[in-house]
PDB file of N, CA and C in Angstrom:
ATOM      1  N   MET A   1     -12.148 -23.416  60.048  1.00  0.00           N
ATOM      2  CA  MET A   1     -10.615 -24.628  59.709  1.00  0.00           C
ATOM      3  C   MET A   1     -11.395 -25.363  58.725  1.00  0.00           C
ATOM      4  N   SER A   2     -12.077 -26.017  58.362  1.00  0.00           N
ATOM      5  CA  SER A   2     -12.756 -26.875  57.566  1.00  0.00           C
ATOM      6  C   SER A   2     -12.999 -26.121  56.322  1.00  0.00           C
ATOM      7  N   LEU A   3     -13.434 -24.913  56.272  1.00  0.00           N
ATOM      8  CA  LEU A   3     -13.783 -24.419  54.829  1.00  0.00           C
ATOM      9  C   LEU A   3     -12.279 -23.776  54.201  1.00  0.00           C
ATOM     10  N   PHE A   4     -11.183 -23.536  54.963  1.00  0.00           N
ATOM     11  CA  PHE A   4      -9.742 -23.399  54.461  1.00  0.00           C
ATOM     12  C   PHE A   4      -9.355 -24.802  54.015  1.00  0.00           C
ATOM     13  N   ARG A   5      -9.514 -25.597  54.889  1.00  0.00           N
ATOM     14  CA  ARG A   5      -9.207 -27.465  54.240  1.00  0.00           C
ATOM     15  C   ARG A   5      -9.868 -27.194  52.673  1.00  0.00           C
ATOM     16  N   GLU A   6     -11.436 -27.317  52.750  1.00  0.00           N
ATOM     17  CA  GLU A   6     -12.405 -27.556  51.463  1.00  0.00           C
ATOM     18  C   GLU A   6     -11.413 -26.716  50.398  1.00  0.00           C
ATOM     19  N   ILE A   7     -11.398 -25.407  50.914  1.00  0.00           N
ATOM     20  CA  ILE A   7     -10.819 -24.440  49.662  1.00  0.00           C
ATOM     21  C   ILE A   7      -9.420 -25.052  48.967  1.00  0.00           C
ATOM     22  N   HIS A   8      -8.450 -25.574  49.972  1.00  0.00           N
ATOM     23  CA  HIS A   8      -6.951 -25.776  49.563  1.00  0.00           C
ATOM     24  C   HIS A   8      -7.097 -27.216  48.930  1.00  0.00           C
ATOM     25  N   LYS A   9      -8.006 -27.924  49.528  1.00  0.00           N
ATOM     26  CA  LYS A   9      -8.102 -29.336  48.655  1.00  0.00           C
ATOM     27  C   LYS A   9      -8.392 -29.011  47.220  1.00  0.00           C
ATOM     28  N   ARG A  10      -9.806 -28.251  47.114  1.00  0.00           N
ATOM     29  CA  ARG A  10     -10.512 -28.253  45.656  1.00  0.00           C
ATOM     30  C   ARG A  10      -9.536 -27.158  44.575  1.00  0.00           C
ATOM     31  N   SER A  11      -8.609 -26.184  44.808  1.00  0.00           N
ATOM     32  CA  SER A  11      -7.601 -25.556  44.309  1.00  0.00           C
ATOM     33  C   SER A  11      -6.504 -26.313  43.639  1.00  0.00           C
ATOM     34  N   ARG A  12      -6.150 -27.430  44.391  1.00  0.00           N
ATOM     35  CA  ARG A  12      -5.513 -28.571  43.003  1.00  0.00           C
ATOM     36  C   ARG A  12      -5.830 -28.807  41.951  1.00  0.00           C
ATOM     37  N   PHE A  13      -7.489 -28.640  41.787  1.00  0.00           N
ATOM     38  CA  PHE A  13      -7.925 -28.985  40.577  1.00  0.00           C
ATOM     39  C   PHE A  13      -8.490 -27.941  39.771  1.00  0.00           C
ATOM     40  N   VAL A  14      -8.688 -26.603  40.638  1.00  0.00           N
ATOM     41  CA  VAL A  14      -9.458 -25.353  39.730  1.00  0.00           C
ATOM     42  C   VAL A  14      -7.896 -24.673  39.185  1.00  0.00           C
ATOM     43  N   ILE A  15      -6.853 -24.415  39.940  1.00  0.00           N
ATOM     44  CA  ILE A  15      -5.790 -23.747  39.951  1.00  0.00           C
ATOM     45  C   ILE A  15      -5.301 -23.738  38.191  1.00  0.00           C
ATOM     46  N   PRO A  16      -4.641 -25.611  37.719  1.00  0.00           N
ATOM     47  CA  PRO A  16      -4.464 -25.687  36.508  1.00  0.00           C
ATOM     48  C   PRO A  16      -5.303 -25.216  35.263  1.00  0.00           C
ATOM     49  N   GLN A  17      -6.608 -25.381  35.513  1.00  0.00           N
ATOM     50  CA  GLN A  17      -7.693 -25.066  34.532  1.00  0.00           C
ATOM     51  C   GLN A  17      -7.738 -23.591  34.285  1.00  0.00           C
ATOM     52  N   VAL A  18      -7.504 -22.659  35.477  1.00  0.00           N
ATOM     53  CA  VAL A  18      -7.609 -21.502  35.443  1.00  0.00           C
ATOM     54  C   VAL A  18      -6.290 -20.733  34.898  1.00  0.00           C
ATOM     55  N   LEU A  19      -5.457 -21.800  34.752  1.00  0.00           N
ATOM     56  CA  LEU A  19      -3.797 -21.243  34.447  1.00  0.00           C
ATOM     57  C   LEU A  19      -4.307 -21.754  32.736  1.00  0.00           C
ATOM     58  N   GLY A  20      -4.754 -22.300  32.422  1.00  0.00           N
ATOM     59  CA  GLY A  20      -4.997 -23.270  30.980  1.00  0.00           C
ATOM     60  C   GLY A  20      -5.831 -22.246  30.787  1.00  0.00           C
ATOM     61  N   ALA A  21      -6.595 -21.992  31.128  1.00  0.00           N
ATOM     62  CA  ALA A  21      -7.972 -20.756  30.589  1.00  0.00           C
ATOM     63  C   ALA A  21      -7.145 -19.348  29.874  1.00  0.00           C
ATOM     64  N   SER A  22      -6.433 -18.986  31.043  1.00  0.00           N
ATOM     65  CA  SER A  22      -5.525 -17.634  30.844  1.00  0.00           C
ATOM     66  C   SER A  22      -4.253 -17.945  29.691  1.00  0.00           C
ATOM     67  N   LEU A  23      -4.060 -19.047  29.916  1.00  0.00           N
ATOM     68  CA  LEU A  23      -2.954 -19.155  28.734  1.00  0.00           C
ATOM     69  C   LEU A  23      -3.653 -19.175  27.248  1.00  0.00           C
ATOM     70  N   VAL A  24      -4.925 -19.910  27.295  1.00  0.00           N
ATOM     71  CA  VAL A  24      -5.511 -19.558  25.915  1.00  0.00           C
ATOM     72  C   VAL A  24      -6.094 -18.575  25.768  1.00  0.00           C
ATOM     73  N   ALA A  25      -6.640 -17.635  26.236  1.00  0.00           N
ATOM     74  CA  ALA A  25      -7.096 -16.183  26.470  1.00  0.00           C
ATOM     75  C   ALA A  25      -5.916 -15.440  25.736  1.00  0.00           C
ATOM     76  N   TYR A  26      -4.691 -15.680  26.587  1.00  0.00           N
ATOM     77  CA  TYR A  26      -3.826 -14.822  26.362  1.00  0.00           C
ATOM     78  C   TYR A  26      -3.320 -15.045  24.527  1.00  0.00           C
ATOM     79  N   PHE A  27      -3.171 -16.376  24.043  1.00  0.00           N
ATOM     80  CA  PHE A  27      -2.963 -16.334  22.912  1.00  0.00           C
ATOM     81  C   PHE A  27      -3.965 -15.961  22.091  1.00  0.00           C
ATOM     82  N   ALA A  28      -5.043 -16.299  22.070  1.00  0.00           N
ATOM     83  CA  ALA A  28      -6.051 -16.025  21.653  1.00  0.00           C
ATOM     84  C   ALA A  28      -6.256 -14.532  21.082  1.00  0.00           C
ATOM     85  N   TYR A  29      -5.935 -13.384  22.380  1.00  0.00           N
ATOM     86  CA  TYR A  29      -5.946 -12.442  22.277  1.00  0.00           C
ATOM     87  C   TYR A  29      -4.745 -11.852  21.300  1.00  0.00           C
ATOM     88  N   HIS A  30      -3.729 -12.552  21.387  1.00  0.00           N
ATOM     89  CA  HIS A  30      -2.614 -12.187  20.449  1.00  0.00           C
ATOM     90  C   HIS A  30      -2.590 -12.531  19.425  1.00  0.00           C
ATOM     91  N   THR A  31      -3.509 -13.560  18.903  1.00  0.00           N
ATOM     92  CA  THR A  31      -3.470 -14.005  17.525  1.00  0.00           C
ATOM     93  C   THR A  31      -4.054 -13.031  17.051  1.00  0.00           C
ATOM     94  N   ILE A  32      -5.613 -12.457  17.331  1.00  0.00           N
ATOM     95  CA  ILE A  32      -6.192 -11.278  16.762  1.00  0.00           C
ATOM     96  C   ILE A  32      -5.678 -10.162  16.955  1.00  0.00           C
ATOM     97  N   GLU A  33      -5.134  -9.313  17.965  1.00  0.00           N
ATOM     98  CA  GLU A  33      -4.793  -8.175  18.275  1.00  0.00           C
ATOM     99  C   GLU A  33      -2.974  -8.023  17.737  1.00  0.00           C
ATOM    100  N   GLY A  34      -2.489  -8.748  18.141  1.00  0.00           N
ATOM    101  CA  GLY A  34      -1.039  -9.132  18.288  1.00  0.00           C
ATOM    102  C   GLY A  34      -0.251  -8.138  17.055  1.00  0.00           C
ATOM    103  N   GLU A  35       1.009  -7.894  16.886  1.00  0.00           N
ATOM    104  CA  GLU A  35       1.649  -7.287  15.862  1.00  0.00           C
ATOM    105  C   GLU A  35       1.682  -7.945  14.479  1.00  0.00           C
ATOM    106  N   ARG A  36       1.468  -9.267  14.932  1.00  0.00           N
ATOM    107  CA  ARG A  36       1.456 -10.381  13.493  1.00  0.00           C
ATOM    108  C   ARG A  36       0.202 -10.488  13.597  1.00  0.00           C
ATOM    109  N   GLY A  37      -0.940 -10.304  14.180  1.00  0.00           N
ATOM    110  CA  GLY A  37      -2.356 -10.644  14.301  1.00  0.00           C
ATOM    111  C   GLY A  37      -3.299 -10.858  13.347  1.00  0.00           C
ATOM    112  N   ILE A  38      -4.509 -10.516  13.290  1.00  0.00           N
ATOM    113  CA  ILE A  38      -5.262 -11.015  11.843  1.00  0.00           C
ATOM    114  C   ILE A  38      -5.758  -9.765  11.350  1.00  0.00           C
ATOM    115  N   TRP A  39      -5.766  -8.649  12.410  1.00  0.00           N
ATOM    116  CA  TRP A  39      -6.207  -7.223  12.154  1.00  0.00           C
ATOM    117  C   TRP A  39      -4.588  -6.827  11.271  1.00  0.00           C
ATOM    118  N   ALA A  40      -3.640  -6.910  11.784  1.00  0.00           N
ATOM    119  CA  ALA A  40      -2.175  -6.649  11.113  1.00  0.00           C
ATOM    120  C   ALA A  40      -1.902  -7.285   9.545  1.00  0.00           C
ATOM    121  N   TRP A  41      -2.427  -8.284   9.421  1.00  0.00           N
ATOM    122  CA  TRP A  41      -2.707  -9.485   8.335  1.00  0.00           C
ATOM    123  C   TRP A  41      -3.545  -8.602   7.162  1.00  0.00           C
ATOM    124  N   ILE A  42      -4.832  -8.080   7.862  1.00  0.00           N
ATOM    125  CA  ILE A  42      -5.716  -7.281   7.336  1.00  0.00           C
ATOM    126  C   ILE A  42      -5.374  -6.070   6.504  1.00  0.00           C
ATOM    127  N   HIS A  43      -4.851  -5.511   7.679  1.00  0.00           N
ATOM    128  CA  HIS A  43      -4.431  -3.939   7.089  1.00  0.00           C
ATOM    129  C   HIS A  43      -3.247  -4.193   6.288  1.00  0.00           C
ATOM    130  N   LEU A  44      -2.695  -5.312   6.562  1.00  0.00           N
ATOM    131  CA  LEU A  44      -1.710  -5.472   5.366  1.00  0.00           C
ATOM    132  C   LEU A  44      -2.097  -5.872   4.181  1.00  0.00           C
ATOM    133  N   LYS A  45      -2.858  -6.441   4.079  1.00  0.00           N
ATOM    134  CA  LYS A  45      -3.765  -6.606   2.659  1.00  0.00           C
ATOM    135  C   LYS A  45      -4.396  -5.459   2.092  1.00  0.00           C
ATOM    136  N   ASN A  46      -4.958  -4.966   2.456  1.00  0.00           N
ATOM    137  CA  ASN A  46      -5.338  -3.361   2.189  1.00  0.00           C
ATOM    138  C   ASN A  46      -4.498  -2.699   1.845  1.00  0.00           C
ATOM    139  N   ASP A  47      -3.229  -2.782   2.547  1.00  0.00           N
ATOM    140  CA  ASP A  47      -2.193  -1.518   1.714  1.00  0.00           C
ATOM    141  C   ASP A  47      -1.444  -2.277   0.623  1.00  0.00           C
ATOM    142  N   LEU A  48      -1.441  -3.757   0.600  1.00  0.00           N
ATOM    143  CA  LEU A  48      -0.829  -4.165  -0.231  1.00  0.00           C
ATOM    144  C   LEU A  48      -2.157  -3.909  -1.984  1.00  0.00           C
ATOM    145  N   ALA A  49      -3.497  -4.046  -1.548  1.00  0.00           N
ATOM    146  CA  ALA A  49      -3.964  -3.842  -2.827  1.00  0.00           C
ATOM    147  C   ALA A  49      -4.109  -2.113  -3.298  1.00  0.00           C
ATOM    148  N   VAL A  50      -3.859  -1.177  -2.194  1.00  0.00           N
ATOM    149  CA  VAL A  50      -3.738   0.103  -2.645  1.00  0.00           C
ATOM    150  C   VAL A  50      -2.647   0.370  -3.276  1.00  0.00           C
ATOM    151  N   LYS A  51      -1.464  -0.314  -2.973  1.00  0.00           N
ATOM    152  CA  LYS A  51      -0.009  -0.017  -3.434  1.00  0.00           C
ATOM    153  C   LYS A  51      -0.120  -0.955  -5.344  1.00  0.00           C
ATOM    154  N   GLN A  52      -0.642  -1.674  -5.443  1.00  0.00           N
ATOM    155  CA  GLN A  52      -0.991  -2.364  -6.387  1.00  0.00           C
ATOM    156  C   GLN A  52      -1.481  -1.659  -7.603  1.00  0.00           C
ATOM    157  N   ALA A  53      -2.569  -1.042  -7.041  1.00  0.00           N
ATOM    158  CA  ALA A  53      -3.463  -0.017  -8.131  1.00  0.00           C
ATOM    159  C   ALA A  53      -2.767   1.521  -8.106  1.00  0.00           C
ATOM    160  N   GLU A  54      -1.693   1.693  -7.412  1.00  0.00           N
ATOM    161  CA  GLU A  54      -0.864   2.829  -7.641  1.00  0.00           C
ATOM    162  C   GLU A  54       0.338   2.264  -8.576  1.00  0.00           C
ATOM    163  N   MET A  55       0.461   1.435  -8.422  1.00  0.00           N
ATOM    164  CA  MET A  55       1.432   0.791  -8.941  1.00  0.00           C
ATOM    165  C   MET A  55       0.906   0.588 -10.563  1.00  0.00           C
ATOM    166  N   GLN A  56      -0.208  -0.042 -10.678  1.00  0.00           N
ATOM    167  CA  GLN A  56      -1.097  -0.158 -12.273  1.00  0.00           C
ATOM    168  C   GLN A  56      -0.788   1.585 -12.969  1.00  0.00           C
ATOM    169  N   VAL A  57      -1.390   2.380 -11.938  1.00  0.00           N
ATOM    170  CA  VAL A  57      -1.702   3.640 -12.776  1.00  0.00           C
ATOM    171  C   VAL A  57      -0.529   4.161 -13.270  1.00  0.00           C
ATOM    172  N   THR A  58       0.754   4.233 -12.348  1.00  0.00           N
ATOM    173  CA  THR A  58       2.088   4.674 -12.327  1.00  0.00           C
ATOM    174  C   THR A  58       2.923   3.907 -13.944  1.00  0.00           C
ATOM    175  N   LEU A  59       2.306   2.666 -13.959  1.00  0.00           N
ATOM    176  CA  LEU A  59       2.816   1.686 -14.977  1.00  0.00           C
ATOM    177  C   LEU A  59       2.203   2.335 -16.379  1.00  0.00           C
ATOM    178  N   ALA A  60       0.878   2.434 -16.445  1.00  0.00           N
ATOM    179  CA  ALA A  60       0.211   3.269 -17.405  1.00  0.00           C
ATOM    180  C   ALA A  60       0.479   4.700 -17.659  1.00  0.00           C
ATOM    181  N   GLU A  61       1.212   5.134 -17.004  1.00  0.00           N
ATOM    182  CA  GLU A  61       2.034   6.611 -17.302  1.00  0.00           C
ATOM    183  C   GLU A  61       3.028   6.427 -17.744  1.00  0.00           C
ATOM    184  N   ARG A  62       3.770   5.520 -16.869  1.00  0.00           N
ATOM    185  CA  ARG A  62       5.289   5.157 -17.878  1.00  0.00           C
ATOM    186  C   ARG A  62       5.168   4.732 -19.361  1.00  0.00           C
ATOM    187  N   GLN A  63       3.770   3.709 -19.902  1.00  0.00           N
ATOM    188  CA  GLN A  63       3.855   3.452 -21.127  1.00  0.00           C
ATOM    189  C   GLN A  63       3.413   4.568 -22.166  1.00  0.00           C
ATOM    190  N   LYS A  64       2.605   5.623 -21.589  1.00  0.00           N
ATOM    191  CA  LYS A  64       2.189   6.500 -22.176  1.00  0.00           C
ATOM    192  C   LYS A  64       3.823   7.406 -22.643  1.00  0.00           C
ATOM    193  N   LEU A  65       4.402   7.684 -21.630  1.00  0.00           N
ATOM    194  CA  LEU A  65       5.540   8.252 -21.746  1.00  0.00           C
ATOM    195  C   LEU A  65       6.740   7.559 -22.937  1.00  0.00           C
ATOM    196  N   GLU A  66       6.797   6.240 -22.368  1.00  0.00           N
ATOM    197  CA  GLU A  66       7.566   5.486 -23.076  1.00  0.00           C
ATOM    198  C   GLU A  66       7.286   5.801 -24.813  1.00  0.00           C
ATOM    199  N   ALA A  67       6.079   5.687 -25.085  1.00  0.00           N
ATOM    200  CA  ALA A  67       5.115   5.739 -26.451  1.00  0.00           C
ATOM    201  C   ALA A  67       5.601   7.219 -27.046  1.00  0.00           C
ATOM    202  N   ARG A  68       5.633   8.348 -26.091  1.00  0.00           N
ATOM    203  CA  ARG A  68       6.166   9.470 -26.958  1.00  0.00           C
ATOM    204  C   ARG A  68       7.756   9.870 -27.091  1.00  0.00           C
ATOM    205  N   VAL A  69       8.566   9.038 -25.921  1.00  0.00           N
ATOM    206  CA  VAL A  69      10.080   9.118 -26.586  1.00  0.00           C
ATOM    207  C   VAL A  69      10.228   7.957 -27.816  1.00  0.00           C
ATOM    208  N   VAL A  70       9.347   6.828 -27.933  1.00  0.00           N
ATOM    209  CA  VAL A  70       9.616   6.535 -29.344  1.00  0.00           C
ATOM    210  C   VAL A  70       9.454   7.394 -30.176  1.00  0.00           C
ATOM    211  N   LEU A  71       8.610   8.017 -30.360  1.00  0.00           N
ATOM    212  CA  LEU A  71       8.468   8.961 -31.360  1.00  0.00           C
ATOM    213  C   LEU A  71       9.637  10.162 -31.523  1.00  0.00           C
ATOM    214  N   LEU A  72      10.227  10.238 -30.565  1.00  0.00           N
ATOM    215  CA  LEU A  72      11.400  11.102 -30.459  1.00  0.00           C
ATOM    216  C   LEU A  72      13.011  10.360 -30.878  1.00  0.00           C
ATOM    217  N   ARG A  73      12.881   9.364 -31.098  1.00  0.00           N
ATOM    218  CA  ARG A  73      13.914   8.764 -31.537  1.00  0.00           C
ATOM    219  C   ARG A  73      14.452   8.754 -33.098  1.00  0.00           C
ATOM    220  N   PRO A  74      15.736   9.021 -33.087  1.00  0.00           N
ATOM    221  CA  PRO A  74      16.081   9.507 -34.596  1.00  0.00           C
ATOM    222  C   PRO A  74      15.583   8.546 -35.895  1.00  0.00           C
ATOM    223  N   ASP A  75      15.789   7.261 -35.739  1.00  0.00           N
ATOM    224  CA  ASP A  75      15.080   6.518 -36.781  1.00  0.00           C
ATOM    225  C   ASP A  75      13.667   6.612 -36.864  1.00  0.00           C
ATOM    226  N   ASN A  76      12.813   7.003 -36.028  1.00  0.00           N
ATOM    227  CA  ASN A  76      11.253   7.317 -35.988  1.00  0.00           C
ATOM    228  C   ASN A  76      10.991   8.683 -35.449  1.00  0.00           C
ATOM    229  N   LEU A  77      11.531   9.853 -36.171  1.00  0.00           N
ATOM    230  CA  LEU A  77      11.315  10.865 -35.755  1.00  0.00           C
ATOM    231  C   LEU A  77       9.989  11.630 -36.485  1.00  0.00           C
ATOM    232  N   ASP A  78       9.032  11.923 -35.124  1.00  0.00           N
ATOM    233  CA  ASP A  78       7.769  12.719 -35.561  1.00  0.00           C
ATOM    234  C   ASP A  78       7.988  14.311 -35.608  1.00  0.00           C
ATOM    235  N   PRO A  79       7.909  14.694 -36.624  1.00  0.00           N
ATOM    236  CA  PRO A  79       8.219  16.050 -36.776  1.00  0.00           C
ATOM    237  C   PRO A  79       7.249  17.351 -36.054  1.00  0.00           C
ATOM    238  N   ASP A  80       6.064  16.545 -35.968  1.00  0.00           N
ATOM    239  CA  ASP A  80       5.189  17.486 -34.994  1.00  0.00           C
ATOM    240  C   ASP A  80       5.512  17.859 -33.664  1.00  0.00           C
ATOM    241  N   LEU A  81       5.935  16.404 -33.199  1.00  0.00           N
ATOM    242  CA  LEU A  81       5.852  16.546 -32.029  1.00  0.00           C
ATOM    243  C   LEU A  81       7.450  16.678 -31.678  1.00  0.00           C
ATOM    244  N   LEU A  82       8.552  16.914 -32.268  1.00  0.00           N
ATOM    245  CA  LEU A  82       9.901  17.445 -32.461  1.00  0.00           C
ATOM    246  C   LEU A  82       9.434  19.065 -32.212  1.00  0.00           C
ATOM    247  N   GLU A  83       8.424  19.749 -33.183  1.00  0.00           N
ATOM    248  CA  GLU A  83       7.999  21.172 -32.862  1.00  0.00           C
ATOM    249  C   GLU A  83       7.842  21.664 -32.061  1.00  0.00           C
ATOM    250  N   GLU A  84       6.858  20.604 -31.004  1.00  0.00           N
ATOM    251  CA  GLU A  84       6.106  20.910 -29.982  1.00  0.00           C
ATOM    252  C   GLU A  84       7.561  20.972 -28.739  1.00  0.00           C
ATOM    253  N   ARG A  85       7.898  19.867 -28.837  1.00  0.00           N
ATOM    254  CA  ARG A  85       9.062  19.943 -27.734  1.00  0.00           C
ATOM    255  C   ARG A  85      10.059  20.884 -27.572  1.00  0.00           C
ATOM    256  N   ALA A  86      10.364  21.455 -28.990  1.00  0.00           N
ATOM    257  CA  ALA A  86      11.200  22.486 -29.347  1.00  0.00           C
ATOM    258  C   ALA A  86      10.857  23.905 -28.933  1.00  0.00           C
ATOM    259  N   ARG A  87       9.269  23.951 -29.222  1.00  0.00           N
ATOM    260  CA  ARG A  87       8.913  25.089 -28.845  1.00  0.00           C
ATOM    261  C   ARG A  87       8.866  25.061 -27.245  1.00  0.00           C
ATOM    262  N   ASP A  88       8.285  23.894 -26.613  1.00  0.00           N
ATOM    263  CA  ASP A  88       8.109  24.247 -25.154  1.00  0.00           C
ATOM    264  C   ASP A  88       9.677  24.479 -24.362  1.00  0.00           C
ATOM    265  N   VAL A  89      10.611  23.670 -24.807  1.00  0.00           N
ATOM    266  CA  VAL A  89      11.999  23.861 -24.177  1.00  0.00           C
ATOM    267  C   VAL A  89      12.888  25.051 -24.512  1.00  0.00           C
ATOM    268  N   LEU A  90      12.549  25.510 -26.000  1.00  0.00           N
ATOM    269  CA  LEU A  90      13.019  27.051 -26.024  1.00  0.00           C
ATOM    270  C   LEU A  90      12.045  28.220 -25.605  1.00  0.00           C
ATOM    271  N   ASN A  91      10.874  28.057 -25.192  1.00  0.00           N
ATOM    272  CA  ASN A  91       9.876  28.804 -25.286  1.00  0.00           C
ATOM    273  C   ASN A  91       9.689  30.051 -26.576  1.00  0.00           C
ATOM    274  N   TYR A  92       9.646  29.224 -27.711  1.00  0.00           N
ATOM    275  CA  TYR A  92       9.603  29.771 -28.600  1.00  0.00           C
ATOM    276  C   TYR A  92       8.307  30.004 -29.547  1.00  0.00           C
ATOM    277  N   GLY A  93       7.648  30.613 -29.833  1.00  0.00           N
ATOM    278  CA  GLY A  93       5.996  30.938 -30.460  1.00  0.00           C
ATOM    279  C   GLY A  93       6.105  31.886 -31.865  1.00  0.00           C
ATOM    280  N   LEU A  94       5.648  31.513 -33.085  1.00  0.00           N
ATOM    281  CA  LEU A  94       5.471  32.535 -33.712  1.00  0.00           C
ATOM    282  C   LEU A  94       4.365  33.697 -33.551  1.00  0.00           C
ATOM    283  N   GLU A  95       4.689  34.848 -34.277  1.00  0.00           N
ATOM    284  CA  GLU A  95       3.974  35.923 -33.987  1.00  0.00           C
ATOM    285  C   GLU A  95       2.359  36.028 -34.004  1.00  0.00           C
ATOM    286  N   ASN A  96       1.633  35.122 -34.789  1.00  0.00           N
ATOM    287  CA  ASN A  96       0.545  34.660 -34.976  1.00  0.00           C
ATOM    288  C   ASN A  96       0.313  33.607 -33.987  1.00  0.00           C
ATOM    289  N   ASP A  97       0.862  33.037 -33.202  1.00  0.00           N
ATOM    290  CA  ASP A  97       0.370  31.532 -32.640  1.00  0.00           C
ATOM    291  C   ASP A  97      -0.292  32.222 -31.255  1.00  0.00           C
ATOM    292  N   TYR A  98      -1.324  31.257 -31.054  1.00  0.00           N
ATOM    293  CA  TYR A  98      -2.029  31.511 -30.042  1.00  0.00           C
ATOM    294  C   TYR A  98      -1.551  30.260 -28.896  1.00  0.00           C
ATOM    295  N   VAL A  99      -1.124  30.984 -27.637  1.00  0.00           N
ATOM    296  CA  VAL A  99      -0.530  30.015 -26.655  1.00  0.00           C
ATOM    297  C   VAL A  99      -1.371  29.892 -25.770  1.00  0.00           C
ATOM    298  N   VAL A 100      -1.958  28.515 -25.352  1.00  0.00           N
ATOM    299  CA  VAL A 100      -2.504  27.832 -24.055  1.00  0.00           C
ATOM    300  C   VAL A 100      -1.848  27.432 -23.317  1.00  0.00           C
ATOM    301  N   ILE A 101      -1.706  28.205 -22.010  1.00  0.00           N
ATOM    302  CA  ILE A 101      -1.049  27.409 -20.865  1.00  0.00           C
ATOM    303  C   ILE A 101      -1.676  26.264 -20.287  1.00  0.00           C
ATOM    304  N   GLN A 102      -1.526  25.139 -19.997  1.00  0.00           N
ATOM    305  CA  GLN A 102      -2.094  24.328 -19.178  1.00  0.00           C
ATOM    306  C   GLN A 102      -1.121  23.904 -17.648  1.00  0.00           C
ATOM    307  N   ARG A 103      -1.864  23.976 -16.812  1.00  0.00           N
ATOM    308  CA  ARG A 103      -1.316  23.543 -15.580  1.00  0.00           C
ATOM    309  C   ARG A 103      -1.124  21.881 -15.203  1.00  0.00           C
ATOM    310  N   ARG A 104      -0.222  21.365 -14.797  1.00  0.00           N
ATOM    311  CA  ARG A 104      -0.058  20.083 -14.695  1.00  0.00           C
ATOM    312  C   ARG A 104      -0.409  19.718 -13.312  1.00  0.00           C
TER     313      ARG A 104
END
C-alpha cells in the first residue's frame, strides 16, 4: 500500500508537467507540420517563385506580341508584315515562292 500512496502523492506533481510537455509537443508539431505550418509556408514560397517566373515569361511574350500589333495599326502600317499576315491568313503564295512550314 505504501507504494500506491507514494505514486499517488508524486502524481500530483508529475501530471501537470506531463500535460504541459504534451501541450508544447502538440503545438510544436502543428507549427512545423500543420496545414499552415512552416513546411506549408516553404512550399507556398516555392510555388510563388515558380509562378512569378512563369509570369515574367508570359509578360515577355505579351510585349513581343504588342510590338507586332503596333506595326499593324493603320497609322504605322508595315507593308512587309501586312503581306506576311495576308499570306498566312489567306494561305496565298506566289508561283515561285518557297514555303517553309514551322511548327509552333
